[in-house]
Amino acid sequence: MIGLKPTEIKQLHLWEFNQYVLAYQEKIKEKEKDIIKIAYYMAYFNNAKKTKSLNYYLKEIDKTIKTNKKRDDDKLNFARKMYEKINKQL
């Protein structure tokens, strides 16, 4: 599903897996931006009604990325701390 085999997933710690998923999510967002660029230029060249600038649409995507990234970073740090805490107890 995200480019990892089940055996590879089992070998990762939770925080490593979360980091991998975040990077994969970033890759998907970049593809999404490329699709929006293509759609924008298709509309432009097909004489669509006046559209907002391409930067407007790309900034809207970046806003969602920044919001989600902060929340995801907090979760990733929490998972990493819990992993370290568990290993200290063992």
C-alpha atoms as a PDB file:
ATOM      1  CA  MET A   1       0.000   0.000   0.000  1.00  0.00           C
ATOM      2  CA  ILE A   2       2.747   2.494   0.858  1.00  0.00           C
ATOM      3  CA  GLY A   3       5.675   0.711  -0.724  1.00  0.00           C
ATOM      4  CA  LEU A   4       6.668  -1.508   2.188  1.00  0.00           C
ATOM      5  CA  LYS A   5       6.336  -5.254   2.387  1.00  0.00           C
ATOM      6  CA  PRO A   6       4.633  -6.674   5.500  1.00  0.00           C
ATOM      7  CA  THR A   7       7.938  -8.149   6.701  1.00  0.00           C
ATOM      8  CA  GLU A   8       9.593  -4.737   6.407  1.00  0.00           C
ATOM      9  CA  ILE A   9       6.793  -3.121   8.395  1.00  0.00           C
ATOM     10  CA  LYS A  10       7.250  -5.636  11.206  1.00  0.00           C
ATOM     11  CA  GLN A  11      10.929  -4.683  11.482  1.00  0.00           C
ATOM     12  CA  LEU A  12      10.190  -0.979  11.978  1.00  0.00           C
ATOM     13  CA  HIS A  13       9.571   0.642  15.311  1.00  0.00           C
ATOM     14  CA  LEU A  14       6.352   2.633  15.572  1.00  0.00           C
ATOM     15  CA  TRP A  15       8.051   6.012  15.330  1.00  0.00           C
ATOM     16  CA  GLU A  16      10.060   4.856  12.285  1.00  0.00           C
ATOM     17  CA  PHE A  17       6.886   3.685  10.588  1.00  0.00           C
ATOM     18  CA  ASN A  18       5.197   7.004  11.395  1.00  0.00           C
ATOM     19  CA  GLN A  19       8.135   8.863   9.865  1.00  0.00           C
ATOM     20  CA  TYR A  20       7.870   6.745   6.728  1.00  0.00           C
ATOM     21  CA  VAL A  21       4.130   7.408   6.470  1.00  0.00           C
ATOM     22  CA  LEU A  22       4.678  11.169   6.846  1.00  0.00           C
ATOM     23  CA  ALA A  23       7.234  11.153   4.037  1.00  0.00           C
ATOM     24  CA  TYR A  24       4.853   9.151   1.858  1.00  0.00           C
ATOM     25  CA  GLN A  25       2.095  11.641   2.644  1.00  0.00           C
ATOM     26  CA  GLU A  26       4.381  14.478   1.544  1.00  0.00           C
ATOM     27  CA  LYS A  27       5.002  12.658  -1.733  1.00  0.00           C
ATOM     28  CA  ILE A  28       1.254  12.365  -2.301  1.00  0.00           C
ATOM     29  CA  LYS A  29       0.786  16.098  -1.618  1.00  0.00           C
ATOM     30  CA  GLU A  30       3.401  16.913  -4.254  1.00  0.00           C
ATOM     31  CA  LYS A  31       1.545  14.746  -6.768  1.00  0.00           C
ATOM     32  CA  GLU A  32      -1.646  16.558  -5.806  1.00  0.00           C
ATOM     33  CA  LYS A  33       0.016  19.896  -6.533  1.00  0.00           C
ATOM     34  CA  ASP A  34       1.124  18.636  -9.949  1.00  0.00           C
ATOM     35  CA  ILE A  35      -2.438  17.568 -10.764  1.00  0.00           C
ATOM     36  CA  ILE A  36      -3.772  20.980  -9.726  1.00  0.00           C
ATOM     37  CA  LYS A  37      -1.203  22.687 -11.953  1.00  0.00           C
ATOM     38  CA  ILE A  38      -2.269  20.574 -14.920  1.00  0.00           C
ATOM     39  CA  ALA A  39      -5.960  21.228 -14.253  1.00  0.00           C
ATOM     40  CA  TYR A  40      -5.302  24.943 -13.882  1.00  0.00           C
ATOM     41  CA  TYR A  41      -3.507  25.216 -17.204  1.00  0.00           C
ATOM     42  CA  MET A  42      -6.125  23.084 -18.950  1.00  0.00           C
ATOM     43  CA  ALA A  43      -8.813  25.468 -17.727  1.00  0.00           C
ATOM     44  CA  TYR A  44      -6.704  28.460 -18.731  1.00  0.00           C
ATOM     45  CA  PHE A  45      -6.083  27.211 -22.261  1.00  0.00           C
ATOM     46  CA  ASN A  46      -9.715  26.186 -22.706  1.00  0.00           C
ATOM     47  CA  ASN A  47     -10.827  29.757 -22.018  1.00  0.00           C
ATOM     48  CA  ALA A  48     -12.552  28.901 -18.768  1.00  0.00           C
ATOM     49  CA  LYS A  49     -14.137  31.620 -16.712  1.00  0.00           C
ATOM     50  CA  LYS A  50     -11.675  33.834 -14.945  1.00  0.00           C
ATOM     51  CA  THR A  51      -9.864  31.780 -12.354  1.00  0.00           C
ATOM     52  CA  LYS A  52      -7.782  32.796  -9.394  1.00  0.00           C
ATOM     53  CA  SER A  53      -4.032  32.629  -9.735  1.00  0.00           C
ATOM     54  CA  LEU A  54      -2.285  29.277  -9.576  1.00  0.00           C
ATOM     55  CA  ASN A  55      -0.397  30.397  -6.454  1.00  0.00           C
ATOM     56  CA  TYR A  56      -3.707  30.838  -4.644  1.00  0.00           C
ATOM     57  CA  TYR A  57      -4.586  27.173  -5.118  1.00  0.00           C
ATOM     58  CA  LEU A  58      -1.092  25.951  -4.253  1.00  0.00           C
ATOM     59  CA  LYS A  59      -1.050  28.042  -1.069  1.00  0.00           C
ATOM     60  CA  GLU A  60      -4.348  26.459  -0.004  1.00  0.00           C
ATOM     61  CA  ILE A  61      -2.711  23.036  -0.231  1.00  0.00           C
ATOM     62  CA  ASP A  62       0.325  24.277   1.698  1.00  0.00           C
ATOM     63  CA  LYS A  63      -1.932  25.557   4.483  1.00  0.00           C
ATOM     64  CA  THR A  64      -3.381  22.089   5.013  1.00  0.00           C
ATOM     65  CA  ILE A  65       0.098  20.562   4.895  1.00  0.00           C
ATOM     66  CA  LYS A  66       1.415  22.930   7.594  1.00  0.00           C
ATOM     67  CA  THR A  67      -1.563  22.308   9.863  1.00  0.00           C
ATOM     68  CA  ASN A  68      -1.321  18.545   9.536  1.00  0.00           C
ATOM     69  CA  LYS A  69       2.472  18.553   9.773  1.00  0.00           C
ATOM     70  CA  LYS A  70       2.500  20.217  13.206  1.00  0.00           C
ATOM     71  CA  ARG A  71      -0.038  17.749  14.563  1.00  0.00           C
ATOM     72  CA  ASP A  72       1.850  14.821  13.017  1.00  0.00           C
ATOM     73  CA  ASP A  73       5.180  16.053  14.393  1.00  0.00           C
ATOM     74  CA  ASP A  74       3.688  16.188  17.878  1.00  0.00           C
ATOM     75  CA  LYS A  75       2.413  12.622  17.546  1.00  0.00           C
ATOM     76  CA  LEU A  76       5.751  11.441  16.172  1.00  0.00           C
ATOM     77  CA  ASN A  77       7.663  12.996  19.072  1.00  0.00           C
ATOM     78  CA  PHE A  78       5.268  11.402  21.546  1.00  0.00           C
ATOM     79  CA  ALA A  79       5.723   7.961  19.940  1.00  0.00           C
ATOM     80  CA  ARG A  80       9.510   8.366  19.979  1.00  0.00           C
ATOM     81  CA  LYS A  81       9.510   9.359  23.672  1.00  0.00           C
ATOM     82  CA  MET A  82       7.306   6.409  24.594  1.00  0.00           C
ATOM     83  CA  TYR A  83       9.606   4.049  22.693  1.00  0.00           C
ATOM     84  CA  GLU A  84      12.656   5.392  24.539  1.00  0.00           C
ATOM     85  CA  LYS A  85      10.858   5.226  27.882  1.00  0.00           C
ATOM     86  CA  ILE A  86       9.852   1.589  27.324  1.00  0.00           C
ATOM     87  CA  ASN A  87      13.402   0.629  26.314  1.00  0.00           C
ATOM     88  CA  LYS A  88      14.841   2.244  29.451  1.00  0.00           C
ATOM     89  CA  GLN A  89      12.533   0.169  31.609  1.00  0.00           C
ATOM     90  CA  LEU A  90      13.634  -3.065  29.949  1.00  0.00           C
END
